[in-house]
Amino acid sequence: MVTILQYTPLMGMLAAAFQPVLGLFGLPGETALAIVMGVFVNLYAGIAVTIPLINSGLLSVKQVTIIAVIFAVINNMLHYRKQKPLPRYR
């Protein structure tokens, strides 16, 4: 999917829209699709979208590490939210 999107203007528009926010983290705008898939679908979908970005040379090792940390934090937050609250003892 990402490989196809890279050859269409849609990926450029998506990258331009998310570049200001992702630039704060040192990431290019093209990683927006990977982060969205990682948050709303699951962790493995986010990784699957990240692989073509790595293979195309778009991401450095530093940027891949930043994406991995974002995926880990978001995945942990989603699992924590699904747990039942602990009982409170007085």
C-alpha atoms as a PDB file:
ATOM      1  CA  MET A   1       0.000   0.000   0.000  1.00  0.00           C
ATOM      2  CA  VAL A   2       2.765   2.423   0.934  1.00  0.00           C
ATOM      3  CA  THR A   3       4.740   1.531  -2.162  1.00  0.00           C
ATOM      4  CA  ILE A   4       1.731   2.371  -4.328  1.00  0.00           C
ATOM      5  CA  LEU A   5       1.044   5.592  -2.403  1.00  0.00           C
ATOM      6  CA  GLN A   6       4.642   6.734  -2.911  1.00  0.00           C
ATOM      7  CA  TYR A   7       4.012   6.989  -6.654  1.00  0.00           C
ATOM      8  CA  THR A   8       0.801   9.014  -6.292  1.00  0.00           C
ATOM      9  CA  PRO A   9       0.277  12.635  -5.218  1.00  0.00           C
ATOM     10  CA  LEU A  10      -1.745  11.405  -2.225  1.00  0.00           C
ATOM     11  CA  MET A  11       1.376  10.474  -0.257  1.00  0.00           C
ATOM     12  CA  GLY A  12       2.848  13.937  -0.872  1.00  0.00           C
ATOM     13  CA  MET A  13      -0.336  15.617   0.336  1.00  0.00           C
ATOM     14  CA  LEU A  14      -0.468  13.400   3.417  1.00  0.00           C
ATOM     15  CA  ALA A  15       3.193  14.088   4.155  1.00  0.00           C
ATOM     16  CA  ALA A  16       2.740  17.845   3.750  1.00  0.00           C
ATOM     17  CA  ALA A  17      -0.278  17.854   6.071  1.00  0.00           C
ATOM     18  CA  PHE A  18       1.477  16.004   8.917  1.00  0.00           C
ATOM     19  CA  GLN A  19       4.994  17.400   8.482  1.00  0.00           C
ATOM     20  CA  PRO A  20       4.629  20.244  11.042  1.00  0.00           C
ATOM     21  CA  VAL A  21       3.566  17.867  13.829  1.00  0.00           C
ATOM     22  CA  LEU A  22       5.919  15.018  12.988  1.00  0.00           C
ATOM     23  CA  GLY A  23       8.779  17.453  12.441  1.00  0.00           C
ATOM     24  CA  LEU A  24       8.684  18.148  16.179  1.00  0.00           C
ATOM     25  CA  PHE A  25       9.712  14.520  16.694  1.00  0.00           C
ATOM     26  CA  GLY A  26      12.309  14.597  13.928  1.00  0.00           C
ATOM     27  CA  LEU A  27      10.215  12.457  11.583  1.00  0.00           C
ATOM     28  CA  PRO A  28       9.309  13.065   7.950  1.00  0.00           C
ATOM     29  CA  GLY A  29       5.646  13.545   7.085  1.00  0.00           C
ATOM     30  CA  GLU A  30       5.535  10.219   5.244  1.00  0.00           C
ATOM     31  CA  THR A  31       5.565   8.391   8.569  1.00  0.00           C
ATOM     32  CA  ALA A  32       2.067   9.686   9.380  1.00  0.00           C
ATOM     33  CA  LEU A  33       0.435   6.709   7.682  1.00  0.00           C
ATOM     34  CA  ALA A  34       2.545   4.283   9.716  1.00  0.00           C
ATOM     35  CA  ILE A  35       1.648   5.986  12.990  1.00  0.00           C
ATOM     36  CA  VAL A  36      -2.056   6.171  12.115  1.00  0.00           C
ATOM     37  CA  MET A  37      -2.075   2.465  11.223  1.00  0.00           C
ATOM     38  CA  GLY A  38      -0.193   1.644  14.420  1.00  0.00           C
ATOM     39  CA  VAL A  39      -2.703   3.524  16.548  1.00  0.00           C
ATOM     40  CA  PHE A  40      -6.012   2.673  14.917  1.00  0.00           C
ATOM     41  CA  VAL A  41      -5.409  -0.803  13.455  1.00  0.00           C
ATOM     42  CA  ASN A  42      -2.685  -2.495  15.512  1.00  0.00           C
ATOM     43  CA  LEU A  43       1.021  -2.493  16.168  1.00  0.00           C
ATOM     44  CA  TYR A  44       1.809  -4.941  13.376  1.00  0.00           C
ATOM     45  CA  ALA A  45       0.004  -2.855  10.763  1.00  0.00           C
ATOM     46  CA  GLY A  46       2.143   0.105  11.777  1.00  0.00           C
ATOM     47  CA  ILE A  47       5.290  -1.979  11.444  1.00  0.00           C
ATOM     48  CA  ALA A  48       4.153  -3.297   8.056  1.00  0.00           C
ATOM     49  CA  VAL A  49       3.693   0.259   6.792  1.00  0.00           C
ATOM     50  CA  THR A  50       7.078   1.298   8.205  1.00  0.00           C
ATOM     51  CA  ILE A  51       9.051  -1.432   6.372  1.00  0.00           C
ATOM     52  CA  PRO A  52       8.690   0.063   2.843  1.00  0.00           C
ATOM     53  CA  LEU A  53       9.701   3.467   4.214  1.00  0.00           C
ATOM     54  CA  ILE A  54      12.874   1.915   5.613  1.00  0.00           C
ATOM     55  CA  ASN A  55      13.601  -0.005   2.396  1.00  0.00           C
ATOM     56  CA  SER A  56      13.208   3.119   0.276  1.00  0.00           C
ATOM     57  CA  GLY A  57      15.865   4.882   2.358  1.00  0.00           C
ATOM     58  CA  LEU A  58      13.424   7.502   3.617  1.00  0.00           C
ATOM     59  CA  LEU A  59      14.094   6.786   7.306  1.00  0.00           C
ATOM     60  CA  SER A  60      17.366   6.816   9.213  1.00  0.00           C
ATOM     61  CA  VAL A  61      18.175   4.539  12.142  1.00  0.00           C
ATOM     62  CA  LYS A  62      17.390   7.393  14.524  1.00  0.00           C
ATOM     63  CA  GLN A  63      13.959   7.916  12.953  1.00  0.00           C
ATOM     64  CA  VAL A  64      13.159   4.189  13.053  1.00  0.00           C
ATOM     65  CA  THR A  65      14.033   4.203  16.752  1.00  0.00           C
ATOM     66  CA  ILE A  66      11.706   7.168  17.352  1.00  0.00           C
ATOM     67  CA  ILE A  67       8.866   5.394  15.534  1.00  0.00           C
ATOM     68  CA  ALA A  68       9.502   2.215  17.544  1.00  0.00           C
ATOM     69  CA  VAL A  69       9.268   4.175  20.808  1.00  0.00           C
ATOM     70  CA  ILE A  70       6.037   5.837  19.646  1.00  0.00           C
ATOM     71  CA  PHE A  71       4.572   2.426  18.762  1.00  0.00           C
ATOM     72  CA  ALA A  72       5.652   0.961  22.115  1.00  0.00           C
ATOM     73  CA  VAL A  73       4.152   3.808  24.145  1.00  0.00           C
ATOM     74  CA  ILE A  74       0.881   3.841  22.222  1.00  0.00           C
ATOM     75  CA  ASN A  75       0.550   0.060  22.313  1.00  0.00           C
ATOM     76  CA  ASN A  76       1.213   0.028  26.054  1.00  0.00           C
ATOM     77  CA  MET A  77      -1.354   2.780  26.638  1.00  0.00           C
ATOM     78  CA  LEU A  78      -4.004   0.876  24.688  1.00  0.00           C
ATOM     79  CA  HIS A  79      -3.371  -2.346  26.613  1.00  0.00           C
ATOM     80  CA  TYR A  80      -3.364  -0.525  29.941  1.00  0.00           C
ATOM     81  CA  ARG A  81      -6.686   1.114  29.123  1.00  0.00           C
ATOM     82  CA  LYS A  82      -8.305  -2.272  28.413  1.00  0.00           C
ATOM     83  CA  GLN A  83      -7.387  -3.701  31.826  1.00  0.00           C
ATOM     84  CA  LYS A  84      -9.839  -3.743  34.655  1.00  0.00           C
ATOM     85  CA  PRO A  85      -9.078  -1.295  37.444  1.00  0.00           C
ATOM     86  CA  LEU A  86      -7.495  -2.711  40.578  1.00  0.00           C
ATOM     87  CA  PRO A  87      -9.732  -2.949  43.628  1.00  0.00           C
ATOM     88  CA  ARG A  88      -9.135  -0.287  46.241  1.00  0.00           C
ATOM     89  CA  TYR A  89      -8.589  -1.374  49.794  1.00  0.00           C
ATOM     90  CA  ARG A  90      -8.981   1.004  52.700  1.00  0.00           C
END
